[in-house]
Amino acid sequence: MTDDQTANAVRDSFFALHHGLPRQGPGSDATTCRLLSFAGPLPARPRILDLGCGPGRSALLLAAETGGEVTAVDLHEPFLDELRAAARARGLDDRVHAVAADMGDLPYPAGSFDLIWAESSAYSIGFDTALARWRPLLAPGGTLALTECEWTTDAPSLEARAFWEEHYKLRTTEENLRACTAAGYAVLGVHHQPESDWDEYYGPLAARAEAADPSRPGMAEALAGTRAELAMRREHGAEYGYTGYALRPVDAWPTRPETSADRAAVHGVNAAAFPTPAEADLVDALRADGAAWLDGLSYVAEAPDGSVAAYALITRCTVGGAPAAALAPVAVRPEHQRSGAGAAVVRAVLDAARARGERLVVVLGHPDYYPRFGFTPASGFGVRPSFEVPDEALMALVLGGGDDSAPIPRGTITYPAAFGV
């Protein structure tokens, strides 16, 4: 066979291994519903775009759960045929529309969809490219939900790193969350997919590989790749996994963690934003407190000229003796107030805390401002201050993305000594 014929035979054998499988990537109906829950209320008949839909397991579930119109996109026509047949069988063929198209070059005008969905498929164009290209397609208030394979360790083995460098460059959850905020999204929720999601994909695939005929043209090569993938997961699965993100576009200011070069500017922002230098001095004192300071949770928002426009800090506190996090201070230069810079930097630092696995964040602030980020009165969580403060001014936020089964701390807040309370 020619090189082209060999490549086509391998491709055909690869798809032969995958046709008829319940899933084409790690996932589950529970994960789909979990991500959908992050989106919050949807329109009565939402317009949904499912990208890289495969045979359409998620598309069918989304149509049934939301009552919406689902446009399901994939390049492989046999998968779309499977979806059409399944939609007819379930009486959903009037609401699930299978379309052969390239997810990187979609034929839809801006603002066409209330929900864009991509489970186990964004890798085909890259996470950052997906964030950029799909955002304009969202209607105001719309949500993007996608899953991405990531490192789950800071020190992956040489074997795992070599395998993934050949196939797709993995990042950590923290790195991907920074990419989300830098691309102009607020993070509505993060879901680390369980090992059972991999079993739903790899179990049937492994059985199919065992039953395959290796003498078929191209099948030996397809089987070799599949078995290498299965072996990598079996031997190094603790080092990587899939994470789901639910995102909503916001008016973005560039945000990033502070660097040592920012310290004078950070001091200046806090000094300018408050009537006394106390908040600026507080940041310096917290930075010197090794028990309070959390690396990577001191964030700045940049003005168009590259200067620091806004600042937000999260440090370690305790609630009832258990580790928690405190948001304070939040500061915006007077000339940038009411511009969205403060909201951008607060969202960014909360996303970074979520990536670290922080469970509970408390804030003492204006009750008309912080609820937009999900904060509610701390008393509702059994969290109380050690000093007198109006109930509505002390707020708390439970972050998704860590161990969702971990208990939420309850009791009295103990702030770092620098707060003086």
Protein backbone atom coordinates (compact mmCIF):
# COMPACT_ATOMS: atom_id res chain seq x y z
CA MET A 1 0.00 0.00 0.00
CA THR A 2 1.04 3.59 -0.50
CA ASP A 3 1.68 5.82 2.51
CA ASP A 4 -1.71 7.43 2.03
CA GLN A 5 -3.42 4.07 1.83
CA THR A 6 -1.64 2.91 4.97
CA ALA A 7 -2.66 6.07 6.84
CA ASN A 8 -6.26 5.66 5.71
CA ALA A 9 -6.27 2.02 6.78
CA VAL A 10 -4.99 2.93 10.26
CA ARG A 11 -7.57 5.72 10.55
CA ASP A 12 -10.38 3.38 9.47
CA SER A 13 -9.23 0.74 11.95
CA PHE A 14 -9.07 3.34 14.72
CA PHE A 15 -12.67 4.32 14.08
CA ALA A 16 -13.68 0.67 13.82
CA LEU A 17 -12.44 0.24 17.38
CA HIS A 18 -14.57 3.19 18.50
CA HIS A 19 -17.82 2.82 16.57
CA GLY A 20 -20.71 1.76 18.76
CA LEU A 21 -18.94 2.54 22.06
CA PRO A 22 -21.02 4.41 24.62
CA ARG A 23 -18.37 7.16 24.92
CA GLN A 24 -15.48 8.58 22.94
CA GLY A 25 -13.67 10.05 25.94
CA PRO A 26 -13.70 9.92 29.76
CA GLY A 27 -17.06 11.02 31.10
CA SER A 28 -20.40 10.04 32.60
CA ASP A 29 -23.97 11.22 32.75
CA ALA A 30 -23.23 12.35 36.32
CA THR A 31 -20.38 14.57 35.13
CA THR A 32 -22.56 16.04 32.38
CA CYS A 33 -25.25 16.88 34.93
CA ARG A 34 -22.69 18.27 37.36
CA LEU A 35 -21.31 20.67 34.75
CA LEU A 36 -24.82 21.61 33.68
CA SER A 37 -25.67 22.51 37.27
CA PHE A 38 -22.90 25.12 37.29
CA ALA A 39 -24.55 26.98 34.40
CA GLY A 40 -27.44 28.08 36.57
CA PRO A 41 -30.87 28.95 35.14
CA LEU A 42 -31.12 28.69 31.36
CA PRO A 43 -33.73 30.14 28.99
CA ALA A 44 -36.94 28.13 28.63
CA ARG A 45 -35.71 26.59 25.36
CA PRO A 46 -31.94 27.13 25.36
CA ARG A 47 -29.88 27.05 22.18
CA ILE A 48 -27.08 24.55 22.81
CA LEU A 49 -23.99 23.79 20.73
CA ASP A 50 -22.28 20.45 21.44
CA LEU A 51 -18.84 20.44 19.82
CA GLY A 52 -17.01 17.20 19.04
CA CYS A 53 -20.23 15.40 19.97
CA GLY A 54 -19.18 11.93 18.75
CA PRO A 55 -22.19 9.59 18.86
CA GLY A 56 -23.97 12.16 21.02
CA ARG A 57 -24.30 10.84 24.56
CA SER A 58 -24.06 14.34 26.01
CA ALA A 59 -26.18 15.94 23.27
CA LEU A 60 -29.07 13.60 24.01
CA LEU A 61 -28.81 14.18 27.76
CA LEU A 62 -28.62 17.95 27.35
CA ALA A 63 -31.71 17.95 25.13
CA ALA A 64 -33.65 15.85 27.62
CA GLU A 65 -32.53 17.79 30.71
CA THR A 66 -32.94 21.34 29.38
CA GLY A 67 -35.75 21.07 26.83
CA GLY A 68 -33.44 22.93 24.47
CA GLU A 69 -32.44 22.79 20.83
CA VAL A 70 -29.08 21.04 20.49
CA THR A 71 -26.81 21.53 17.49
CA ALA A 72 -24.37 18.62 17.67
CA VAL A 73 -21.18 19.06 15.64
CA ASP A 74 -18.61 16.48 14.61
CA LEU A 75 -16.45 15.80 11.56
CA HIS A 76 -17.00 12.02 11.52
CA GLU A 77 -20.24 11.33 9.68
CA PRO A 78 -20.71 7.76 11.01
CA PHE A 79 -20.82 9.17 14.58
CA LEU A 80 -23.45 11.65 13.45
CA ASP A 81 -25.45 8.81 11.93
CA GLU A 82 -25.34 7.02 15.29
CA LEU A 83 -26.61 10.19 16.95
CA ARG A 84 -29.44 10.67 14.47
CA ALA A 85 -30.62 7.11 15.03
CA ALA A 86 -30.45 7.48 18.81
CA ALA A 87 -32.33 10.79 18.69
CA ARG A 88 -35.10 9.22 16.62
CA ALA A 89 -35.35 6.29 19.02
CA ARG A 90 -35.77 8.68 21.97
CA GLY A 91 -38.19 11.02 20.22
CA LEU A 92 -35.65 13.84 20.23
CA ASP A 93 -34.97 14.11 16.50
CA ASP A 94 -36.88 17.43 16.35
CA ARG A 95 -34.53 18.97 18.93
CA VAL A 96 -31.14 17.33 18.25
CA HIS A 97 -29.61 18.38 14.96
CA ALA A 98 -26.43 16.57 13.86
CA VAL A 99 -24.11 18.76 11.76
CA ALA A 100 -20.86 17.84 10.02
CA ALA A 101 -18.55 20.81 10.68
CA ASP A 102 -15.11 21.77 11.98
CA MET A 103 -15.22 22.99 15.59
CA GLY A 104 -12.32 25.31 14.80
CA ASP A 105 -14.14 26.99 11.90
CA LEU A 106 -17.83 27.13 12.75
CA PRO A 107 -20.47 28.63 10.42
CA TYR A 108 -22.54 30.36 13.13
CA PRO A 109 -22.93 34.10 13.78
CA ALA A 110 -21.97 35.76 17.06
CA GLY A 111 -24.38 35.32 19.96
CA SER A 112 -26.04 32.19 18.53
CA PHE A 113 -25.98 29.95 21.62
CA ASP A 114 -26.94 30.06 25.28
CA LEU A 115 -24.75 27.08 26.13
CA ILE A 116 -21.67 25.71 24.37
CA TRP A 117 -20.61 22.19 25.35
CA ALA A 118 -17.36 20.30 24.67
CA GLU A 119 -16.63 17.11 26.62
CA SER A 120 -13.29 15.47 25.81
CA SER A 121 -13.00 17.37 22.52
CA ALA A 122 -11.41 20.81 22.99
CA TYR A 123 -7.94 19.21 22.76
CA SER A 124 -8.42 18.83 19.01
CA ILE A 125 -7.94 22.59 18.55
CA GLY A 126 -6.28 23.34 21.90
CA PHE A 127 -7.74 24.73 25.13
CA ASP A 128 -6.67 28.34 24.57
CA THR A 129 -7.89 28.33 20.97
CA ALA A 130 -11.25 26.94 22.10
CA LEU A 131 -11.63 29.67 24.72
CA ALA A 132 -10.94 32.38 22.17
CA ARG A 133 -12.90 31.07 19.17
CA TRP A 134 -16.04 29.93 20.97
CA ARG A 135 -16.54 32.94 23.23
CA PRO A 136 -18.08 35.18 20.50
CA LEU A 137 -20.71 32.52 19.76
CA LEU A 138 -22.22 32.87 23.25
CA ALA A 139 -25.31 35.00 23.73
CA PRO A 140 -25.24 37.50 26.64
CA GLY A 141 -25.25 35.53 29.87
CA GLY A 142 -24.29 32.34 28.03
CA THR A 143 -22.08 29.58 29.44
CA LEU A 144 -19.20 27.55 28.01
CA ALA A 145 -18.69 24.09 29.53
CA LEU A 146 -15.67 22.04 28.48
CA THR A 147 -13.38 19.36 29.84
CA GLU A 148 -9.61 19.17 29.57
CA CYS A 149 -6.96 16.59 30.38
CA GLU A 150 -4.48 17.95 32.93
CA TRP A 151 -1.59 17.04 35.15
CA THR A 152 -2.73 16.18 38.67
CA THR A 153 0.79 16.29 40.06
CA ASP A 154 3.48 18.96 40.03
CA ALA A 155 6.11 16.32 39.21
CA PRO A 156 4.87 13.88 36.55
CA SER A 157 7.10 10.91 35.80
CA LEU A 158 9.40 10.91 32.81
CA GLU A 159 7.29 8.16 31.21
CA ALA A 160 4.02 10.09 31.54
CA ARG A 161 5.60 13.34 30.40
CA ALA A 162 7.14 11.67 27.33
CA PHE A 163 3.82 10.07 26.40
CA TRP A 164 1.85 13.30 26.63
CA GLU A 165 4.48 15.48 25.01
CA GLU A 166 4.04 13.29 21.92
CA HIS A 167 0.24 13.64 21.92
CA TYR A 168 -0.86 16.85 23.65
CA LYS A 169 0.76 19.34 25.99
CA LEU A 170 -0.85 19.05 29.41
CA ARG A 171 -1.06 21.82 31.99
CA THR A 172 -2.21 21.92 35.61
CA THR A 173 -5.63 23.08 36.78
CA GLU A 174 -4.06 26.28 38.10
CA GLU A 175 -2.51 27.02 34.71
CA ASN A 176 -5.78 26.38 32.89
CA LEU A 177 -7.76 28.54 35.32
CA ARG A 178 -5.33 31.38 34.67
CA ALA A 179 -5.91 30.87 30.96
CA CYS A 180 -9.66 31.09 31.53
CA THR A 181 -9.48 34.38 33.41
CA ALA A 182 -6.94 35.78 30.96
CA ALA A 183 -9.34 34.92 28.11
CA GLY A 184 -12.08 36.95 29.78
CA TYR A 185 -14.15 34.32 31.59
CA ALA A 186 -15.51 34.06 35.09
CA VAL A 187 -15.28 30.51 36.43
CA LEU A 188 -18.69 29.26 37.55
CA GLY A 189 -17.49 25.83 38.63
CA VAL A 190 -14.72 23.27 38.37
CA HIS A 191 -15.23 19.51 38.48
CA HIS A 192 -12.35 17.03 38.75
CA GLN A 193 -13.70 13.94 37.03
CA PRO A 194 -13.53 10.69 39.00
CA GLU A 195 -11.71 7.55 37.93
CA SER A 196 -15.06 5.97 37.12
CA ASP A 197 -15.35 8.41 34.19
CA TRP A 198 -12.24 6.81 32.68
CA ASP A 199 -13.66 3.34 33.31
CA GLU A 200 -16.82 4.21 31.31
CA TYR A 201 -14.58 4.95 28.32
CA TYR A 202 -11.67 2.57 28.66
CA GLY A 203 -13.63 -0.49 29.82
CA PRO A 204 -15.62 -0.90 26.58
CA LEU A 205 -12.62 0.22 24.50
CA ALA A 206 -10.37 -2.43 26.06
CA ALA A 207 -12.98 -5.12 25.41
CA ARG A 208 -13.27 -3.99 21.80
CA ALA A 209 -9.48 -4.09 21.39
CA GLU A 210 -9.34 -7.66 22.73
CA ALA A 211 -11.94 -8.79 20.19
CA ALA A 212 -10.41 -6.97 17.19
CA ASP A 213 -8.85 -8.81 14.25
CA PRO A 214 -5.18 -7.70 14.07
CA SER A 215 -4.86 -9.00 10.50
CA ARG A 216 -7.20 -6.33 9.17
CA PRO A 217 -5.23 -3.66 7.25
CA GLY A 218 -4.18 -0.93 9.67
CA MET A 219 -5.57 -2.68 12.73
CA ALA A 220 -2.21 -3.74 14.19
CA GLU A 221 -1.09 -0.11 14.28
CA ALA A 222 -4.42 1.09 15.70
CA LEU A 223 -4.31 -1.60 18.38
CA ALA A 224 -0.73 -0.70 19.31
CA GLY A 225 -1.70 2.92 19.92
CA THR A 226 -4.81 1.98 21.86
CA ARG A 227 -2.97 -0.50 24.07
CA ALA A 228 -0.20 2.02 24.77
CA GLU A 229 -2.86 4.51 25.87
CA LEU A 230 -4.54 1.94 28.12
CA ALA A 231 -1.21 0.93 29.63
CA MET A 232 -0.26 4.54 30.32
CA ARG A 233 -3.50 5.07 32.21
CA ARG A 234 -3.08 1.83 34.13
CA GLU A 235 0.48 2.61 35.20
CA HIS A 236 0.43 6.41 35.51
CA GLY A 237 -3.25 7.33 35.88
CA ALA A 238 -2.63 9.06 39.22
CA GLU A 239 -0.57 11.69 37.38
CA TYR A 240 -3.23 13.07 35.03
CA GLY A 241 -6.98 13.34 34.73
CA TYR A 242 -9.85 15.24 33.17
CA THR A 243 -11.29 18.41 34.70
CA GLY A 244 -14.53 20.10 33.68
CA TYR A 245 -14.96 23.87 33.62
CA ALA A 246 -18.11 25.99 33.45
CA LEU A 247 -17.25 29.50 32.27
CA ARG A 248 -19.08 32.76 31.55
CA PRO A 249 -17.60 35.68 29.61
CA VAL A 250 -17.04 38.92 31.51
CA ASP A 251 -15.64 42.30 30.58
CA ALA A 252 -12.02 41.37 31.11
CA TRP A 253 -9.07 43.23 32.47
CA PRO A 254 -5.78 41.35 32.17
CA THR A 255 -5.03 39.73 35.52
CA ARG A 256 -2.06 37.79 36.86
CA PRO A 257 -0.27 36.87 40.11
CA GLU A 258 1.92 39.63 41.49
CA THR A 259 5.67 39.44 41.00
CA SER A 260 8.40 40.93 43.17
CA ALA A 261 8.57 43.81 40.69
CA ASP A 262 4.95 44.71 41.52
CA ARG A 263 5.37 45.28 45.24
CA ALA A 264 5.84 49.03 45.12
CA ALA A 265 2.92 49.37 42.71
CA VAL A 266 0.73 47.17 44.93
CA HIS A 267 1.59 49.36 47.91
CA GLY A 268 0.69 52.39 45.83
CA VAL A 269 -2.70 51.01 44.73
CA ASN A 270 -3.69 50.27 48.32
CA ALA A 271 -2.43 53.62 49.55
CA ALA A 272 -4.41 55.42 46.84
CA ALA A 273 -7.61 53.41 47.29
CA PHE A 274 -8.00 53.88 51.05
CA PRO A 275 -8.03 57.03 53.22
CA THR A 276 -5.05 55.87 55.33
CA PRO A 277 -1.94 53.78 54.59
CA ALA A 278 -3.18 51.03 56.91
CA GLU A 279 -4.28 48.67 54.12
CA ALA A 280 -1.01 49.13 52.21
CA ASP A 281 0.95 48.38 55.38
CA LEU A 282 -1.31 45.37 56.04
CA VAL A 283 -0.32 43.78 52.74
CA ASP A 284 3.37 44.25 53.53
CA ALA A 285 2.89 42.69 56.98
CA LEU A 286 0.99 39.73 55.56
CA ARG A 287 3.67 39.18 52.94
CA ALA A 288 6.19 38.81 55.76
CA ASP A 289 4.02 36.30 57.66
CA GLY A 290 4.92 32.83 56.41
CA ALA A 291 1.91 31.25 58.13
CA ALA A 292 -0.54 33.66 56.50
CA TRP A 293 0.89 34.23 53.02
CA LEU A 294 -0.29 31.88 50.26
CA ASP A 295 1.94 31.92 47.20
CA GLY A 296 0.00 32.63 44.03
CA LEU A 297 -2.99 34.28 45.74
CA SER A 298 -1.82 37.90 45.49
CA TYR A 299 -3.30 39.18 42.20
CA VAL A 300 -3.15 42.35 40.13
CA ALA A 301 -5.22 43.69 37.24
CA GLU A 302 -3.33 45.64 34.62
CA ALA A 303 -4.39 48.94 33.05
CA PRO A 304 -3.94 49.39 29.29
CA ASP A 305 -0.55 51.03 29.91
CA GLY A 306 0.65 47.99 31.90
CA SER A 307 0.43 49.67 35.29
CA VAL A 308 -1.34 48.03 38.23
CA ALA A 309 -4.96 49.15 38.26
CA ALA A 310 -6.40 46.88 40.94
CA TYR A 311 -5.32 44.39 43.56
CA ALA A 312 -6.83 41.49 45.55
CA LEU A 313 -5.24 39.28 48.20
CA ILE A 314 -6.23 35.99 49.81
CA THR A 315 -4.37 34.82 52.90
CA ARG A 316 -4.69 31.97 55.37
CA CYS A 317 -7.07 32.24 58.29
CA THR A 318 -8.78 29.56 60.34
CA VAL A 319 -12.43 28.87 61.07
CA GLY A 320 -13.05 26.79 64.15
CA GLY A 321 -9.37 25.85 64.03
CA ALA A 322 -9.60 24.48 60.46
CA PRO A 323 -7.75 26.12 57.54
CA ALA A 324 -9.78 28.66 55.57
CA ALA A 325 -8.99 31.71 53.44
CA ALA A 326 -9.62 35.42 53.88
CA LEU A 327 -10.13 37.86 51.01
CA ALA A 328 -8.65 41.23 51.99
CA PRO A 329 -7.76 43.77 50.92
CA VAL A 330 -9.33 44.52 47.55
CA ALA A 331 -8.19 47.84 46.12
CA VAL A 332 -8.68 49.80 42.90
CA ARG A 333 -6.91 53.00 41.92
CA PRO A 334 -9.41 55.87 42.01
CA GLU A 335 -9.13 56.55 38.28
CA HIS A 336 -10.05 52.92 37.52
CA GLN A 337 -12.91 52.48 39.98
CA ARG A 338 -16.28 51.40 38.55
CA SER A 339 -14.51 50.12 35.43
CA GLY A 340 -14.63 46.38 36.13
CA ALA A 341 -10.98 46.17 37.17
CA GLY A 342 -11.87 45.31 40.77
CA ALA A 343 -14.35 42.62 39.76
CA ALA A 344 -11.81 41.11 37.34
CA VAL A 345 -9.08 40.83 39.94
CA VAL A 346 -11.46 39.40 42.58
CA ARG A 347 -12.67 36.72 40.16
CA ALA A 348 -9.09 35.91 39.21
CA VAL A 349 -7.87 35.45 42.78
CA LEU A 350 -10.95 33.37 43.67
CA ASP A 351 -10.30 31.17 40.65
CA ALA A 352 -6.69 30.76 41.77
CA ALA A 353 -7.86 29.79 45.27
CA ARG A 354 -10.24 27.27 43.74
CA ALA A 355 -7.36 25.79 41.76
CA ARG A 356 -5.36 25.34 44.96
CA GLY A 357 -8.23 23.39 46.47
CA GLU A 358 -9.28 26.06 48.98
CA ARG A 359 -12.72 25.21 50.33
CA LEU A 360 -13.98 28.32 52.16
CA VAL A 361 -13.23 32.03 51.63
CA VAL A 362 -14.49 34.73 54.00
CA VAL A 363 -14.66 38.45 53.38
CA LEU A 364 -15.63 41.45 55.49
CA GLY A 365 -16.99 43.98 53.05
CA HIS A 366 -19.87 45.78 51.43
CA PRO A 367 -22.97 43.55 51.27
CA ASP A 368 -24.00 45.10 47.96
CA TYR A 369 -20.69 44.26 46.23
CA TYR A 370 -19.49 40.78 47.14
CA PRO A 371 -22.69 38.77 46.49
CA ARG A 372 -22.00 39.16 42.75
CA PHE A 373 -19.14 36.68 43.25
CA GLY A 374 -21.33 34.21 45.14
CA PHE A 375 -20.69 35.39 48.70
CA THR A 376 -23.54 35.08 51.19
CA PRO A 377 -23.74 35.87 54.93
CA ALA A 378 -21.19 33.75 56.78
CA SER A 379 -23.67 33.07 59.55
CA GLY A 380 -25.52 30.78 57.14
CA PHE A 381 -22.49 28.46 57.20
CA GLY A 382 -22.09 28.60 60.97
CA VAL A 383 -19.11 30.96 60.61
CA ARG A 384 -18.85 33.90 62.99
CA PRO A 385 -16.34 36.67 63.81
CA SER A 386 -14.57 37.23 67.11
CA PHE A 387 -15.68 40.89 67.12
CA GLU A 388 -18.88 42.85 66.57
CA VAL A 389 -19.84 43.28 62.94
CA PRO A 390 -23.19 43.50 61.11
CA ASP A 391 -24.31 40.04 60.01
CA GLU A 392 -24.69 41.07 56.36
CA ALA A 393 -21.12 42.47 56.19
CA LEU A 394 -19.30 39.22 57.02
CA MET A 395 -19.72 36.89 54.06
CA ALA A 396 -18.44 33.49 52.97
CA LEU A 397 -18.08 31.58 49.72
CA VAL A 398 -17.70 27.82 49.31
CA LEU A 399 -15.47 27.10 46.32
CA GLY A 400 -16.06 24.13 44.05
CA GLY A 401 -13.11 22.27 42.58
CA GLY A 402 -11.41 20.91 45.64
CA ASP A 403 -12.63 17.90 47.57
CA ASP A 404 -16.37 18.57 47.38
CA SER A 405 -16.96 15.92 50.03
CA ALA A 406 -14.76 17.72 52.58
CA PRO A 407 -16.74 19.37 55.40
CA ILE A 408 -17.09 23.15 55.40
CA PRO A 409 -15.34 24.63 58.44
CA ARG A 410 -17.65 26.07 61.10
CA GLY A 411 -16.94 28.24 64.12
CA THR A 412 -15.08 31.43 64.92
CA ILE A 413 -12.73 33.07 62.42
CA THR A 414 -9.14 33.65 63.53
CA TYR A 415 -7.38 36.16 61.27
CA PRO A 416 -3.60 36.51 60.90
CA ALA A 417 -2.04 38.72 63.56
CA ALA A 418 -1.43 41.53 61.06
CA PHE A 419 -5.18 42.23 60.93
CA GLY A 420 -5.09 43.24 64.59
CA VAL A 421 -8.43 41.65 65.48
